[in-house]
Structure formats: structure tokens, C-alpha cells
Amino acid sequence: MATDHYTYRVIWSPEDGEHVGLCSEFPSLSWLALTTDEAMAGIRRLVNEVASDMQAAGEQPPTPIPLVRPAV
């Protein structure tokens, strides 16, 4: 499973005082960390683990959201 094709982002959470790693295809998952790099690495690892577990259980992980490019 190519989880590197998913849509990831990192935002700042004032409530938590940490950066939050998110993945659009897995909206229920997040990863808190002190730095943006740690948040990104954490959410990518977590998504990879969850997608692998889904496949092992015979479930189909979400399809990556396609990039929509504006018409030129």
C-alpha cells in the first residue's frame, strides 16, 4: 500500500500547545508532536500502520484523494 500518496498536513494546536499531523483520507487519526517534522513523521507512520492492519484484516484502505489542478 502506497500511503505516501495520501494527503498530509501539519497544523498548530493552541489548545494542545503542539503541532498536529493529519491525513485527509483518515480523518479520525492525528499525531501530536513538538515539531512539525515529528508531527509529519508520526502521522505518516500511524497511517501506514493502520492501512497495513486494514489490509491484513481484508479491508480496503481509502483511495488517495486525487490532485485537482486548475485549468490553464
N, C-alpha and C. Protein backbone atom coordinates (compact mmCIF):
# COMPACT_ATOMS: atom_id res chain seq x y z
N MET A 1 0.85 -1.19 0.00
CA MET A 1 0.00 0.00 0.00
C MET A 1 0.88 1.24 0.00
N ALA A 2 0.67 2.12 -0.93
CA ALA A 2 1.47 3.34 -1.06
C ALA A 2 0.83 4.47 -0.26
N THR A 3 1.10 4.50 1.03
CA THR A 3 0.49 5.53 1.87
C THR A 3 1.13 6.90 1.66
N ASP A 4 2.22 6.97 0.89
CA ASP A 4 2.83 8.26 0.61
C ASP A 4 2.02 9.07 -0.40
N HIS A 5 0.98 8.47 -0.98
CA HIS A 5 0.12 9.19 -1.92
C HIS A 5 -1.06 9.84 -1.21
N TYR A 6 -1.17 9.69 0.08
CA TYR A 6 -2.25 10.33 0.84
C TYR A 6 -1.96 11.81 1.06
N THR A 7 -2.97 12.54 1.49
CA THR A 7 -2.87 13.98 1.70
C THR A 7 -2.58 14.25 3.18
N TYR A 8 -1.38 14.74 3.46
CA TYR A 8 -0.95 15.01 4.83
C TYR A 8 -0.80 16.51 5.04
N ARG A 9 -0.97 16.94 6.29
CA ARG A 9 -0.69 18.32 6.65
C ARG A 9 -0.38 18.39 8.13
N VAL A 10 0.25 19.46 8.52
CA VAL A 10 0.55 19.72 9.93
C VAL A 10 0.02 21.10 10.28
N ILE A 11 -0.71 21.17 11.38
CA ILE A 11 -1.23 22.44 11.86
C ILE A 11 -0.80 22.64 13.31
N TRP A 12 -0.88 23.87 13.79
CA TRP A 12 -0.57 24.18 15.18
C TRP A 12 -1.86 24.11 15.98
N SER A 13 -1.81 23.48 17.16
CA SER A 13 -2.96 23.41 18.06
C SER A 13 -2.67 24.25 19.30
N PRO A 14 -3.29 25.43 19.41
CA PRO A 14 -3.09 26.26 20.59
C PRO A 14 -3.57 25.55 21.87
N GLU A 15 -4.63 24.76 21.74
CA GLU A 15 -5.17 24.04 22.91
C GLU A 15 -4.18 23.03 23.46
N ASP A 16 -3.48 22.34 22.55
CA ASP A 16 -2.53 21.30 22.96
C ASP A 16 -1.11 21.85 23.14
N GLY A 17 -0.84 23.02 22.54
CA GLY A 17 0.50 23.57 22.58
C GLY A 17 1.49 22.74 21.80
N GLU A 18 0.99 22.03 20.76
CA GLU A 18 1.83 21.18 19.94
C GLU A 18 1.35 21.23 18.49
N HIS A 19 2.17 20.72 17.61
CA HIS A 19 1.79 20.57 16.20
C HIS A 19 0.99 19.28 16.06
N VAL A 20 0.04 19.30 15.13
CA VAL A 20 -0.82 18.14 14.91
C VAL A 20 -0.66 17.67 13.47
N GLY A 21 -0.26 16.41 13.30
CA GLY A 21 -0.19 15.80 11.98
C GLY A 21 -1.54 15.19 11.65
N LEU A 22 -2.01 15.45 10.43
CA LEU A 22 -3.32 14.97 9.98
C LEU A 22 -3.21 14.33 8.61
N CYS A 23 -4.17 13.46 8.30
CA CYS A 23 -4.26 12.84 6.97
C CYS A 23 -5.72 12.93 6.53
N SER A 24 -5.96 13.58 5.40
CA SER A 24 -7.33 13.79 4.92
C SER A 24 -8.09 12.49 4.70
N GLU A 25 -7.41 11.45 4.23
CA GLU A 25 -8.07 10.18 3.95
C GLU A 25 -8.41 9.39 5.21
N PHE A 26 -7.80 9.75 6.34
CA PHE A 26 -8.08 9.12 7.63
C PHE A 26 -8.40 10.22 8.64
N PRO A 27 -9.59 10.83 8.53
CA PRO A 27 -9.91 11.99 9.37
C PRO A 27 -9.96 11.71 10.87
N SER A 28 -10.04 10.47 11.28
CA SER A 28 -10.10 10.16 12.71
C SER A 28 -8.71 10.02 13.33
N LEU A 29 -7.66 10.07 12.51
CA LEU A 29 -6.29 9.90 13.02
C LEU A 29 -5.59 11.25 13.14
N SER A 30 -4.74 11.36 14.16
CA SER A 30 -3.90 12.55 14.33
C SER A 30 -2.67 12.16 15.14
N TRP A 31 -1.65 13.03 15.08
CA TRP A 31 -0.42 12.79 15.81
C TRP A 31 0.09 14.11 16.36
N LEU A 32 0.25 14.20 17.68
CA LEU A 32 0.77 15.40 18.32
C LEU A 32 2.27 15.30 18.50
N ALA A 33 2.98 16.42 18.27
CA ALA A 33 4.42 16.45 18.44
C ALA A 33 4.89 17.88 18.67
N LEU A 34 6.09 18.02 19.20
CA LEU A 34 6.64 19.33 19.49
C LEU A 34 7.12 20.08 18.24
N THR A 35 7.49 19.33 17.18
CA THR A 35 7.95 19.97 15.95
C THR A 35 7.09 19.54 14.77
N THR A 36 7.14 20.34 13.71
CA THR A 36 6.38 19.98 12.50
C THR A 36 6.91 18.69 11.88
N ASP A 37 8.24 18.52 11.89
CA ASP A 37 8.82 17.31 11.31
C ASP A 37 8.39 16.06 12.07
N GLU A 38 8.37 16.14 13.41
CA GLU A 38 7.94 14.99 14.22
C GLU A 38 6.46 14.70 14.01
N ALA A 39 5.64 15.74 13.88
CA ALA A 39 4.21 15.54 13.64
C ALA A 39 3.96 14.88 12.29
N MET A 40 4.70 15.32 11.27
CA MET A 40 4.54 14.72 9.94
C MET A 40 5.01 13.27 9.94
N ALA A 41 6.16 13.01 10.53
CA ALA A 41 6.67 11.64 10.59
C ALA A 41 5.72 10.74 11.37
N GLY A 42 5.18 11.25 12.46
CA GLY A 42 4.28 10.46 13.30
C GLY A 42 2.99 10.09 12.59
N ILE A 43 2.36 11.06 11.92
CA ILE A 43 1.09 10.75 11.24
C ILE A 43 1.33 9.82 10.06
N ARG A 44 2.46 9.98 9.38
CA ARG A 44 2.76 9.07 8.26
C ARG A 44 2.96 7.64 8.75
N ARG A 45 3.67 7.48 9.88
CA ARG A 45 3.87 6.14 10.46
C ARG A 45 2.52 5.54 10.89
N LEU A 46 1.70 6.36 11.56
CA LEU A 46 0.41 5.88 12.04
C LEU A 46 -0.49 5.44 10.89
N VAL A 47 -0.57 6.25 9.84
CA VAL A 47 -1.39 5.90 8.68
C VAL A 47 -0.88 4.61 8.04
N ASN A 48 0.42 4.47 7.93
CA ASN A 48 0.99 3.25 7.36
C ASN A 48 0.59 2.03 8.18
N GLU A 49 0.67 2.14 9.51
CA GLU A 49 0.29 1.03 10.38
C GLU A 49 -1.19 0.69 10.25
N VAL A 50 -2.04 1.72 10.24
CA VAL A 50 -3.49 1.48 10.15
C VAL A 50 -3.85 0.88 8.79
N ALA A 51 -3.26 1.40 7.71
CA ALA A 51 -3.54 0.85 6.37
C ALA A 51 -3.07 -0.60 6.28
N SER A 52 -1.92 -0.90 6.85
CA SER A 52 -1.42 -2.29 6.85
C SER A 52 -2.34 -3.20 7.64
N ASP A 53 -2.80 -2.73 8.80
CA ASP A 53 -3.74 -3.52 9.61
C ASP A 53 -5.04 -3.76 8.86
N MET A 54 -5.52 -2.72 8.15
CA MET A 54 -6.75 -2.88 7.37
C MET A 54 -6.58 -3.95 6.30
N GLN A 55 -5.46 -3.89 5.58
CA GLN A 55 -5.22 -4.88 4.53
C GLN A 55 -5.12 -6.29 5.11
N ALA A 56 -4.45 -6.42 6.25
CA ALA A 56 -4.30 -7.73 6.89
C ALA A 56 -5.65 -8.29 7.31
N ALA A 57 -6.59 -7.40 7.63
CA ALA A 57 -7.94 -7.82 8.04
C ALA A 57 -8.87 -7.99 6.85
N GLY A 58 -8.36 -7.80 5.62
CA GLY A 58 -9.18 -7.96 4.43
C GLY A 58 -9.99 -6.73 4.09
N GLU A 59 -9.68 -5.61 4.71
CA GLU A 59 -10.38 -4.35 4.43
C GLU A 59 -9.60 -3.55 3.39
N GLN A 60 -10.29 -2.70 2.68
CA GLN A 60 -9.66 -1.86 1.67
C GLN A 60 -9.39 -0.47 2.26
N PRO A 61 -8.13 -0.06 2.38
CA PRO A 61 -7.84 1.29 2.84
C PRO A 61 -8.41 2.33 1.88
N PRO A 62 -8.61 3.55 2.35
CA PRO A 62 -9.17 4.59 1.48
C PRO A 62 -8.29 4.84 0.25
N THR A 63 -8.93 5.25 -0.80
CA THR A 63 -8.23 5.65 -2.02
C THR A 63 -7.68 7.06 -1.80
N PRO A 64 -6.44 7.32 -2.22
CA PRO A 64 -5.91 8.68 -2.09
C PRO A 64 -6.78 9.70 -2.82
N ILE A 65 -6.90 10.87 -2.24
CA ILE A 65 -7.65 11.94 -2.86
C ILE A 65 -6.85 12.45 -4.06
N PRO A 66 -7.46 12.49 -5.24
CA PRO A 66 -6.70 12.93 -6.42
C PRO A 66 -6.41 14.43 -6.37
N LEU A 67 -5.27 14.80 -6.90
CA LEU A 67 -4.90 16.20 -7.01
C LEU A 67 -5.71 16.83 -8.12
N VAL A 68 -6.39 17.91 -7.81
CA VAL A 68 -7.17 18.63 -8.83
C VAL A 68 -6.37 19.87 -9.20
N ARG A 69 -6.01 19.95 -10.44
CA ARG A 69 -5.23 21.09 -10.91
C ARG A 69 -6.14 22.04 -11.68
N PRO A 70 -5.95 23.33 -11.47
CA PRO A 70 -6.78 24.29 -12.19
C PRO A 70 -6.51 24.24 -13.70
N ALA A 71 -7.54 24.48 -14.46
CA ALA A 71 -7.40 24.51 -15.92
C ALA A 71 -6.57 25.72 -16.30
N VAL A 72 -5.75 25.53 -17.32
CA VAL A 72 -4.88 26.64 -17.76
C VAL A 72 -5.45 27.27 -19.00
